[in-house]
Amino acid sequence: MLKKIGIWVLVVGVSSVLFTGCMYMKLSPYRKMYPDYESKVTRIKEMGGEAKAPYETAKSEHYLKFFHQEVFVDRDITGADIMKAKLDEYISKAMLKVQ
């Protein structure tokens, strides 16, 4: 009986380690994207985005916070994909208005 419990604990432990490692690898590109998005939002603000494109700048900041939440806190790939698409959309709109 004790041997069976030990085997199950080993199986569950190994599978959880493998699952967490795979999830980290899938989120790795998103972790590398975050500083780039952060610098783009900062650049928009420096170029006068809050005056020239207030809505797009605010939305970019908003989605940047959610992107950080999805990638670093929740570790949700689906949510990170959605936030990435929204960030791309509003950053490009803001850049067009600011330039």
PDB file of N, CA and C in Angstrom:
ATOM      1  N   MET A   1       0.823  -1.196   0.000  1.00  0.00           N
ATOM      2  CA  MET A   1       0.000   0.000   0.000  1.00  0.00           C
ATOM      3  C   MET A   1       0.866   1.259   0.000  1.00  0.00           C
ATOM      4  N   LEU A   2       1.868   1.278   0.862  1.00  0.00           N
ATOM      5  CA  LEU A   2       2.743   2.435   0.958  1.00  0.00           C
ATOM      6  C   LEU A   2       3.536   2.627  -0.333  1.00  0.00           C
ATOM      7  N   LYS A   3       3.875   1.517  -0.991  1.00  0.00           N
ATOM      8  CA  LYS A   3       4.623   1.584  -2.241  1.00  0.00           C
ATOM      9  C   LYS A   3       3.774   2.224  -3.344  1.00  0.00           C
ATOM     10  N   LYS A   4       2.471   1.892  -3.380  1.00  0.00           N
ATOM     11  CA  LYS A   4       1.579   2.468  -4.388  1.00  0.00           C
ATOM     12  C   LYS A   4       1.422   3.975  -4.179  1.00  0.00           C
ATOM     13  N   ILE A   5       1.306   4.392  -2.934  1.00  0.00           N
ATOM     14  CA  ILE A   5       1.170   5.815  -2.637  1.00  0.00           C
ATOM     15  C   ILE A   5       2.435   6.551  -3.047  1.00  0.00           C
ATOM     16  N   GLY A   6       3.573   5.974  -2.771  1.00  0.00           N
ATOM     17  CA  GLY A   6       4.850   6.586  -3.150  1.00  0.00           C
ATOM     18  C   GLY A   6       4.978   6.739  -4.654  1.00  0.00           C
ATOM     19  N   ILE A   7       4.528   5.742  -5.399  1.00  0.00           N
ATOM     20  CA  ILE A   7       4.583   5.809  -6.863  1.00  0.00           C
ATOM     21  C   ILE A   7       3.666   6.921  -7.370  1.00  0.00           C
ATOM     22  N   TRP A   8       2.466   7.026  -6.800  1.00  0.00           N
ATOM     23  CA  TRP A   8       1.532   8.071  -7.237  1.00  0.00           C
ATOM     24  C   TRP A   8       2.067   9.472  -6.912  1.00  0.00           C
ATOM     25  N   VAL A   9       2.678   9.600  -5.753  1.00  0.00           N
ATOM     26  CA  VAL A   9       3.262  10.889  -5.382  1.00  0.00           C
ATOM     27  C   VAL A   9       4.382  11.248  -6.358  1.00  0.00           C
ATOM     28  N   LEU A  10       5.185  10.274  -6.728  1.00  0.00           N
ATOM     29  CA  LEU A  10       6.264  10.494  -7.680  1.00  0.00           C
ATOM     30  C   LEU A  10       5.718  10.892  -9.053  1.00  0.00           C
ATOM     31  N   VAL A  11       4.688  10.200  -9.508  1.00  0.00           N
ATOM     32  CA  VAL A  11       4.088  10.498 -10.815  1.00  0.00           C
ATOM     33  C   VAL A  11       3.494  11.911 -10.821  1.00  0.00           C
ATOM     34  N   VAL A  12       2.755  12.246  -9.792  1.00  0.00           N
ATOM     35  CA  VAL A  12       2.144  13.575  -9.714  1.00  0.00           C
ATOM     36  C   VAL A  12       3.222  14.651  -9.605  1.00  0.00           C
ATOM     37  N   GLY A  13       4.252  14.400  -8.829  1.00  0.00           N
ATOM     38  CA  GLY A  13       5.329  15.375  -8.675  1.00  0.00           C
ATOM     39  C   GLY A  13       6.076  15.625  -9.971  1.00  0.00           C
ATOM     40  N   VAL A  14       6.425  14.560 -10.671  1.00  0.00           N
ATOM     41  CA  VAL A  14       7.155  14.695 -11.932  1.00  0.00           C
ATOM     42  C   VAL A  14       6.287  15.376 -12.986  1.00  0.00           C
ATOM     43  N   SER A  15       5.018  14.994 -13.057  1.00  0.00           N
ATOM     44  CA  SER A  15       4.148  15.609 -14.065  1.00  0.00           C
ATOM     45  C   SER A  15       3.923  17.092 -13.777  1.00  0.00           C
ATOM     46  N   SER A  16       3.826  17.475 -12.518  1.00  0.00           N
ATOM     47  CA  SER A  16       3.640  18.893 -12.203  1.00  0.00           C
ATOM     48  C   SER A  16       4.894  19.693 -12.545  1.00  0.00           C
ATOM     49  N   VAL A  17       6.068  19.119 -12.320  1.00  0.00           N
ATOM     50  CA  VAL A  17       7.311  19.799 -12.683  1.00  0.00           C
ATOM     51  C   VAL A  17       7.404  19.955 -14.194  1.00  0.00           C
ATOM     52  N   LEU A  18       7.064  18.926 -14.923  1.00  0.00           N
ATOM     53  CA  LEU A  18       7.103  18.992 -16.381  1.00  0.00           C
ATOM     54  C   LEU A  18       6.096  20.007 -16.914  1.00  0.00           C
ATOM     55  N   PHE A  19       4.910  20.020 -16.352  1.00  0.00           N
ATOM     56  CA  PHE A  19       3.875  20.961 -16.795  1.00  0.00           C
ATOM     57  C   PHE A  19       4.295  22.398 -16.534  1.00  0.00           C
ATOM     58  N   THR A  20       4.851  22.654 -15.364  1.00  0.00           N
ATOM     59  CA  THR A  20       5.260  24.014 -15.035  1.00  0.00           C
ATOM     60  C   THR A  20       6.428  24.450 -15.902  1.00  0.00           C
ATOM     61  N   GLY A  21       7.339  23.567 -16.175  1.00  0.00           N
ATOM     62  CA  GLY A  21       8.463  23.894 -17.040  1.00  0.00           C
ATOM     63  C   GLY A  21       8.010  24.206 -18.446  1.00  0.00           C
ATOM     64  N   CYS A  22       7.072  23.443 -18.967  1.00  0.00           N
ATOM     65  CA  CYS A  22       6.558  23.694 -20.317  1.00  0.00           C
ATOM     66  C   CYS A  22       5.822  25.024 -20.375  1.00  0.00           C
ATOM     67  N   MET A  23       5.074  25.345 -19.349  1.00  0.00           N
ATOM     68  CA  MET A  23       4.345  26.603 -19.318  1.00  0.00           C
ATOM     69  C   MET A  23       5.324  27.773 -19.296  1.00  0.00           C
ATOM     70  N   TYR A  24       6.415  27.629 -18.554  1.00  0.00           N
ATOM     71  CA  TYR A  24       7.407  28.696 -18.508  1.00  0.00           C
ATOM     72  C   TYR A  24       8.024  28.902 -19.885  1.00  0.00           C
ATOM     73  N   MET A  25       8.283  27.827 -20.599  1.00  0.00           N
ATOM     74  CA  MET A  25       8.873  27.935 -21.933  1.00  0.00           C
ATOM     75  C   MET A  25       7.903  28.595 -22.905  1.00  0.00           C
ATOM     76  N   LYS A  26       6.612  28.324 -22.781  1.00  0.00           N
ATOM     77  CA  LYS A  26       5.626  28.942 -23.666  1.00  0.00           C
ATOM     78  C   LYS A  26       5.481  30.435 -23.371  1.00  0.00           C
ATOM     79  N   LEU A  27       5.681  30.830 -22.132  1.00  0.00           N
ATOM     80  CA  LEU A  27       5.546  32.232 -21.758  1.00  0.00           C
ATOM     81  C   LEU A  27       6.831  33.033 -21.960  1.00  0.00           C
ATOM     82  N   SER A  28       7.919  32.341 -22.226  1.00  0.00           N
ATOM     83  CA  SER A  28       9.201  33.009 -22.367  1.00  0.00           C
ATOM     84  C   SER A  28       9.209  34.115 -23.428  1.00  0.00           C
ATOM     85  N   PRO A  29       8.640  33.904 -24.627  1.00  0.00           N
ATOM     86  CA  PRO A  29       8.627  34.999 -25.605  1.00  0.00           C
ATOM     87  C   PRO A  29       7.834  36.219 -25.120  1.00  0.00           C
ATOM     88  N   TYR A  30       6.760  35.970 -24.389  1.00  0.00           N
ATOM     89  CA  TYR A  30       5.959  37.077 -23.875  1.00  0.00           C
ATOM     90  C   TYR A  30       6.735  37.865 -22.824  1.00  0.00           C
ATOM     91  N   ARG A  31       7.524  37.165 -22.022  1.00  0.00           N
ATOM     92  CA  ARG A  31       8.341  37.843 -21.015  1.00  0.00           C
ATOM     93  C   ARG A  31       9.377  38.744 -21.672  1.00  0.00           C
ATOM     94  N   LYS A  32       9.873  38.316 -22.821  1.00  0.00           N
ATOM     95  CA  LYS A  32      10.858  39.130 -23.542  1.00  0.00           C
ATOM     96  C   LYS A  32      10.200  40.310 -24.246  1.00  0.00           C
ATOM     97  N   MET A  33       8.917  40.207 -24.579  1.00  0.00           N
ATOM     98  CA  MET A  33       8.204  41.287 -25.262  1.00  0.00           C
ATOM     99  C   MET A  33       7.857  42.435 -24.326  1.00  0.00           C
ATOM    100  N   TYR A  34       7.687  42.147 -23.057  1.00  0.00           N
ATOM    101  CA  TYR A  34       7.198  43.158 -22.121  1.00  0.00           C
ATOM    102  C   TYR A  34       8.056  44.431 -22.091  1.00  0.00           C
ATOM    103  N   PRO A  35       9.390  44.327 -21.960  1.00  0.00           N
ATOM    104  CA  PRO A  35      10.182  45.571 -21.940  1.00  0.00           C
ATOM    105  C   PRO A  35      10.053  46.383 -23.235  1.00  0.00           C
ATOM    106  N   ASP A  36       9.891  45.702 -24.356  1.00  0.00           N
ATOM    107  CA  ASP A  36       9.720  46.389 -25.634  1.00  0.00           C
ATOM    108  C   ASP A  36       8.412  47.176 -25.651  1.00  0.00           C
ATOM    109  N   TYR A  37       7.332  46.546 -25.210  1.00  0.00           N
ATOM    110  CA  TYR A  37       6.043  47.236 -25.141  1.00  0.00           C
ATOM    111  C   TYR A  37       6.099  48.399 -24.158  1.00  0.00           C
ATOM    112  N   GLU A  38       6.772  48.188 -23.040  1.00  0.00           N
ATOM    113  CA  GLU A  38       6.885  49.236 -22.031  1.00  0.00           C
ATOM    114  C   GLU A  38       7.635  50.449 -22.599  1.00  0.00           C
ATOM    115  N   SER A  39       8.702  50.194 -23.350  1.00  0.00           N
ATOM    116  CA  SER A  39       9.452  51.304 -23.932  1.00  0.00           C
ATOM    117  C   SER A  39       8.644  52.021 -25.020  1.00  0.00           C
ATOM    118  N   LYS A  40       7.820  51.277 -25.760  1.00  0.00           N
ATOM    119  CA  LYS A  40       6.974  51.912 -26.777  1.00  0.00           C
ATOM    120  C   LYS A  40       5.944  52.835 -26.138  1.00  0.00           C
ATOM    121  N   VAL A  41       5.334  52.386 -25.066  1.00  0.00           N
ATOM    122  CA  VAL A  41       4.344  53.216 -24.367  1.00  0.00           C
ATOM    123  C   VAL A  41       5.023  54.451 -23.769  1.00  0.00           C
ATOM    124  N   THR A  42       6.201  54.277 -23.217  1.00  0.00           N
ATOM    125  CA  THR A  42       6.954  55.409 -22.673  1.00  0.00           C
ATOM    126  C   THR A  42       7.311  56.401 -23.779  1.00  0.00           C
ATOM    127  N   ARG A  43       7.727  55.887 -24.931  1.00  0.00           N
ATOM    128  CA  ARG A  43       8.079  56.748 -26.055  1.00  0.00           C
ATOM    129  C   ARG A  43       6.865  57.540 -26.543  1.00  0.00           C
ATOM    130  N   ILE A  44       5.714  56.885 -26.577  1.00  0.00           N
ATOM    131  CA  ILE A  44       4.482  57.581 -26.984  1.00  0.00           C
ATOM    132  C   ILE A  44       4.180  58.731 -26.029  1.00  0.00           C
ATOM    133  N   LYS A  45       4.332  58.479 -24.739  1.00  0.00           N
ATOM    134  CA  LYS A  45       4.076  59.534 -23.754  1.00  0.00           C
ATOM    135  C   LYS A  45       5.077  60.673 -23.881  1.00  0.00           C
ATOM    136  N   GLU A  46       6.334  60.342 -24.174  1.00  0.00           N
ATOM    137  CA  GLU A  46       7.358  61.374 -24.331  1.00  0.00           C
ATOM    138  C   GLU A  46       7.121  62.222 -25.573  1.00  0.00           C
ATOM    139  N   MET A  47       6.506  61.637 -26.595  1.00  0.00           N
ATOM    140  CA  MET A  47       6.246  62.355 -27.839  1.00  0.00           C
ATOM    141  C   MET A  47       4.955  63.176 -27.765  1.00  0.00           C
ATOM    142  N   GLY A  48       4.357  63.242 -26.595  1.00  0.00           N
ATOM    143  CA  GLY A  48       3.153  64.043 -26.410  1.00  0.00           C
ATOM    144  C   GLY A  48       1.879  63.265 -26.649  1.00  0.00           C
ATOM    145  N   GLY A  49       1.925  61.983 -26.407  1.00  0.00           N
ATOM    146  CA  GLY A  49       0.769  61.126 -26.640  1.00  0.00           C
ATOM    147  C   GLY A  49      -0.432  61.464 -25.786  1.00  0.00           C
ATOM    148  N   GLU A  50      -0.181  61.971 -24.589  1.00  0.00           N
ATOM    149  CA  GLU A  50      -1.298  62.289 -23.701  1.00  0.00           C
ATOM    150  C   GLU A  50      -2.086  63.492 -24.205  1.00  0.00           C
ATOM    151  N   ALA A  51      -1.447  64.347 -24.992  1.00  0.00           N
ATOM    152  CA  ALA A  51      -2.147  65.516 -25.547  1.00  0.00           C
ATOM    153  C   ALA A  51      -2.678  65.234 -26.950  1.00  0.00           C
ATOM    154  N   LYS A  52      -1.886  64.540 -27.759  1.00  0.00           N
ATOM    155  CA  LYS A  52      -2.248  64.312 -29.159  1.00  0.00           C
ATOM    156  C   LYS A  52      -3.153  63.100 -29.369  1.00  0.00           C
ATOM    157  N   ALA A  53      -2.965  62.083 -28.542  1.00  0.00           N
ATOM    158  CA  ALA A  53      -3.767  60.862 -28.657  1.00  0.00           C
ATOM    159  C   ALA A  53      -4.080  60.336 -27.260  1.00  0.00           C
ATOM    160  N   PRO A  54      -4.901  61.071 -26.509  1.00  0.00           N
ATOM    161  CA  PRO A  54      -5.131  60.692 -25.109  1.00  0.00           C
ATOM    162  C   PRO A  54      -5.808  59.332 -24.946  1.00  0.00           C
ATOM    163  N   TYR A  55      -6.781  59.049 -25.799  1.00  0.00           N
ATOM    164  CA  TYR A  55      -7.507  57.777 -25.684  1.00  0.00           C
ATOM    165  C   TYR A  55      -6.583  56.601 -25.961  1.00  0.00           C
ATOM    166  N   GLU A  56      -5.828  56.679 -27.051  1.00  0.00           N
ATOM    167  CA  GLU A  56      -4.952  55.584 -27.436  1.00  0.00           C
ATOM    168  C   GLU A  56      -3.810  55.389 -26.432  1.00  0.00           C
ATOM    169  N   THR A  57      -3.310  56.497 -25.898  1.00  0.00           N
ATOM    170  CA  THR A  57      -2.243  56.405 -24.907  1.00  0.00           C
ATOM    171  C   THR A  57      -2.754  55.755 -23.619  1.00  0.00           C
ATOM    172  N   ALA A  58      -3.928  56.169 -23.190  1.00  0.00           N
ATOM    173  CA  ALA A  58      -4.509  55.583 -21.977  1.00  0.00           C
ATOM    174  C   ALA A  58      -4.807  54.100 -22.171  1.00  0.00           C
ATOM    175  N   LYS A  59      -5.343  53.750 -23.339  1.00  0.00           N
ATOM    176  CA  LYS A  59      -5.629  52.341 -23.616  1.00  0.00           C
ATOM    177  C   LYS A  59      -4.349  51.518 -23.670  1.00  0.00           C
ATOM    178  N   SER A  60      -3.288  52.090 -24.244  1.00  0.00           N
ATOM    179  CA  SER A  60      -2.003  51.383 -24.313  1.00  0.00           C
ATOM    180  C   SER A  60      -1.468  51.104 -22.911  1.00  0.00           C
ATOM    181  N   GLU A  61      -1.535  52.104 -22.040  1.00  0.00           N
ATOM    182  CA  GLU A  61      -1.098  51.906 -20.659  1.00  0.00           C
ATOM    183  C   GLU A  61      -1.951  50.867 -19.956  1.00  0.00           C
ATOM    184  N   HIS A  62      -3.238  50.929 -20.191  1.00  0.00           N
ATOM    185  CA  HIS A  62      -4.192  50.003 -19.584  1.00  0.00           C
ATOM    186  C   HIS A  62      -3.877  48.558 -19.998  1.00  0.00           C
ATOM    187  N   TYR A  63      -3.718  48.335 -21.292  1.00  0.00           N
ATOM    188  CA  TYR A  63      -3.448  46.987 -21.776  1.00  0.00           C
ATOM    189  C   TYR A  63      -2.044  46.522 -21.423  1.00  0.00           C
ATOM    190  N   LEU A  64      -1.107  47.444 -21.238  1.00  0.00           N
ATOM    191  CA  LEU A  64       0.228  47.060 -20.787  1.00  0.00           C
ATOM    192  C   LEU A  64       0.172  46.480 -19.379  1.00  0.00           C
ATOM    193  N   LYS A  65      -0.642  47.092 -18.517  1.00  0.00           N
ATOM    194  CA  LYS A  65      -0.811  46.568 -17.158  1.00  0.00           C
ATOM    195  C   LYS A  65      -1.452  45.178 -17.189  1.00  0.00           C
ATOM    196  N   PHE A  66      -2.465  45.012 -18.042  1.00  0.00           N
ATOM    197  CA  PHE A  66      -3.107  43.705 -18.147  1.00  0.00           C
ATOM    198  C   PHE A  66      -2.171  42.663 -18.746  1.00  0.00           C
ATOM    199  N   PHE A  67      -1.342  43.079 -19.712  1.00  0.00           N
ATOM    200  CA  PHE A  67      -0.363  42.167 -20.301  1.00  0.00           C
ATOM    201  C   PHE A  67       0.610  41.675 -19.232  1.00  0.00           C
ATOM    202  N   HIS A  68       1.076  42.600 -18.394  1.00  0.00           N
ATOM    203  CA  HIS A  68       1.965  42.231 -17.290  1.00  0.00           C
ATOM    204  C   HIS A  68       1.273  41.237 -16.355  1.00  0.00           C
ATOM    205  N   GLN A  69       0.025  41.510 -16.041  1.00  0.00           N
ATOM    206  CA  GLN A  69      -0.742  40.629 -15.158  1.00  0.00           C
ATOM    207  C   GLN A  69      -0.861  39.226 -15.745  1.00  0.00           C
ATOM    208  N   GLU A  70      -1.212  39.140 -17.023  1.00  0.00           N
ATOM    209  CA  GLU A  70      -1.415  37.839 -17.660  1.00  0.00           C
ATOM    210  C   GLU A  70      -0.120  37.047 -17.770  1.00  0.00           C
ATOM    211  N   VAL A  71       0.981  37.724 -18.070  1.00  0.00           N
ATOM    212  CA  VAL A  71       2.246  37.020 -18.294  1.00  0.00           C
ATOM    213  C   VAL A  71       2.955  36.680 -16.994  1.00  0.00           C
ATOM    214  N   PHE A  72       3.103  37.646 -16.100  1.00  0.00           N
ATOM    215  CA  PHE A  72       3.942  37.446 -14.920  1.00  0.00           C
ATOM    216  C   PHE A  72       3.185  36.949 -13.693  1.00  0.00           C
ATOM    217  N   VAL A  73       1.916  37.271 -13.586  1.00  0.00           N
ATOM    218  CA  VAL A  73       1.167  36.882 -12.390  1.00  0.00           C
ATOM    219  C   VAL A  73       0.289  35.652 -12.662  1.00  0.00           C
ATOM    220  N   ASP A  74      -0.606  35.782 -13.648  1.00  0.00           N
ATOM    221  CA  ASP A  74      -1.539  34.697 -13.925  1.00  0.00           C
ATOM    222  C   ASP A  74      -0.928  33.583 -14.770  1.00  0.00           C
ATOM    223  N   ARG A  75       0.107  33.920 -15.541  1.00  0.00           N
ATOM    224  CA  ARG A  75       0.762  32.964 -16.449  1.00  0.00           C
ATOM    225  C   ARG A  75      -0.250  32.328 -17.403  1.00  0.00           C
ATOM    226  N   ASP A  76      -1.036  33.181 -18.018  1.00  0.00           N
ATOM    227  CA  ASP A  76      -2.109  32.751 -18.910  1.00  0.00           C
ATOM    228  C   ASP A  76      -1.737  33.096 -20.351  1.00  0.00           C
ATOM    229  N   ILE A  77      -1.493  32.085 -21.164  1.00  0.00           N
ATOM    230  CA  ILE A  77      -1.067  32.306 -22.542  1.00  0.00           C
ATOM    231  C   ILE A  77      -2.199  32.905 -23.378  1.00  0.00           C
ATOM    232  N   THR A  78      -3.400  32.417 -23.194  1.00  0.00           N
ATOM    233  CA  THR A  78      -4.531  32.936 -23.960  1.00  0.00           C
ATOM    234  C   THR A  78      -4.760  34.413 -23.652  1.00  0.00           C
ATOM    235  N   GLY A  79      -4.741  34.757 -22.398  1.00  0.00           N
ATOM    236  CA  GLY A  79      -4.900  36.152 -22.004  1.00  0.00           C
ATOM    237  C   GLY A  79      -3.758  37.019 -22.511  1.00  0.00           C
ATOM    238  N   ALA A  80      -2.551  36.472 -22.492  1.00  0.00           N
ATOM    239  CA  ALA A  80      -1.399  37.216 -22.994  1.00  0.00           C
ATOM    240  C   ALA A  80      -1.535  37.477 -24.488  1.00  0.00           C
ATOM    241  N   ASP A  81      -2.049  36.504 -25.238  1.00  0.00           N
ATOM    242  CA  ASP A  81      -2.279  36.695 -26.676  1.00  0.00           C
ATOM    243  C   ASP A  81      -3.282  37.822 -26.930  1.00  0.00           C
ATOM    244  N   ILE A  82      -4.360  37.818 -26.161  1.00  0.00           N
ATOM    245  CA  ILE A  82      -5.391  38.845 -26.328  1.00  0.00           C
ATOM    246  C   ILE A  82      -4.829  40.228 -25.998  1.00  0.00           C
ATOM    247  N   MET A  83      -4.096  40.334 -24.885  1.00  0.00           N
ATOM    248  CA  MET A  83      -3.530  41.614 -24.491  1.00  0.00           C
ATOM    249  C   MET A  83      -2.466  42.075 -25.482  1.00  0.00           C
ATOM    250  N   LYS A  84      -1.714  41.151 -26.047  1.00  0.00           N
ATOM    251  CA  LYS A  84      -0.695  41.490 -27.044  1.00  0.00           C
ATOM    252  C   LYS A  84      -1.350  42.091 -28.284  1.00  0.00           C
ATOM    253  N   ALA A  85      -2.439  41.499 -28.724  1.00  0.00           N
ATOM    254  CA  ALA A  85      -3.154  42.024 -29.897  1.00  0.00           C
ATOM    255  C   ALA A  85      -3.695  43.425 -29.622  1.00  0.00           C
ATOM    256  N   LYS A  86      -4.264  43.614 -28.443  1.00  0.00           N
ATOM    257  CA  LYS A  86      -4.795  44.935 -28.083  1.00  0.00           C
ATOM    258  C   LYS A  86      -3.672  45.967 -27.970  1.00  0.00           C
ATOM    259  N   LEU A  87      -2.550  45.563 -27.375  1.00  0.00           N
ATOM    260  CA  LEU A  87      -1.410  46.471 -27.259  1.00  0.00           C
ATOM    261  C   LEU A  87      -0.905  46.881 -28.637  1.00  0.00           C
ATOM    262  N   ASP A  88      -0.745  45.922 -29.522  1.00  0.00           N
ATOM    263  CA  ASP A  88      -0.289  46.235 -30.879  1.00  0.00           C
ATOM    264  C   ASP A  88      -1.231  47.226 -31.557  1.00  0.00           C
ATOM    265  N   GLU A  89      -2.529  46.993 -31.389  1.00  0.00           N
ATOM    266  CA  GLU A  89      -3.531  47.863 -32.012  1.00  0.00           C
ATOM    267  C   GLU A  89      -3.429  49.302 -31.504  1.00  0.00           C
ATOM    268  N   TYR A  90      -3.441  49.469 -30.194  1.00  0.00           N
ATOM    269  CA  TYR A  90      -3.473  50.826 -29.639  1.00  0.00           C
ATOM    270  C   TYR A  90      -2.117  51.528 -29.712  1.00  0.00           C
ATOM    271  N   ILE A  91      -1.039  50.784 -29.658  1.00  0.00           N
ATOM    272  CA  ILE A  91       0.276  51.408 -29.822  1.00  0.00           C
ATOM    273  C   ILE A  91       0.426  51.929 -31.245  1.00  0.00           C
ATOM    274  N   SER A  92      -0.010  51.141 -32.228  1.00  0.00           N
ATOM    275  CA  SER A  92       0.107  51.606 -33.612  1.00  0.00           C
ATOM    276  C   SER A  92      -0.808  52.818 -33.872  1.00  0.00           C
ATOM    277  N   LYS A  93      -2.011  52.810 -33.312  1.00  0.00           N
ATOM    278  CA  LYS A  93      -2.911  53.964 -33.462  1.00  0.00           C
ATOM    279  C   LYS A  93      -2.310  55.211 -32.816  1.00  0.00           C
ATOM    280  N   ALA A  94      -1.742  55.040 -31.633  1.00  0.00           N
ATOM    281  CA  ALA A  94      -1.149  56.183 -30.932  1.00  0.00           C
ATOM    282  C   ALA A  94       0.066  56.704 -31.688  1.00  0.00           C
ATOM    283  N   MET A  95       0.884  55.820 -32.215  1.00  0.00           N
ATOM    284  CA  MET A  95       2.079  56.250 -32.954  1.00  0.00           C
ATOM    285  C   MET A  95       1.691  57.042 -34.201  1.00  0.00           C
ATOM    286  N   LEU A  96       0.621  56.620 -34.870  1.00  0.00           N
ATOM    287  CA  LEU A  96       0.167  57.349 -36.055  1.00  0.00           C
ATOM    288  C   LEU A  96      -0.290  58.767 -35.716  1.00  0.00           C
ATOM    289  N   LYS A  97      -0.980  58.913 -34.597  1.00  0.00           N
ATOM    290  CA  LYS A  97      -1.476  60.232 -34.204  1.00  0.00           C
ATOM    291  C   LYS A  97      -0.374  61.122 -33.650  1.00  0.00           C
ATOM    292  N   VAL A  98       0.612  60.533 -33.019  1.00  0.00           N
ATOM    293  CA  VAL A  98       1.664  61.305 -32.388  1.00  0.00           C
ATOM    294  C   VAL A  98       2.674  61.823 -33.413  1.00  0.00           C
ATOM    295  N   GLN A  99       2.927  61.063 -34.437  1.00  0.00           N
ATOM    296  CA  GLN A  99       3.962  61.454 -35.418  1.00  0.00           C
ATOM    297  C   GLN A  99       3.539  62.605 -36.275  1.00  0.00           C
TER     298      GLN A  99
END
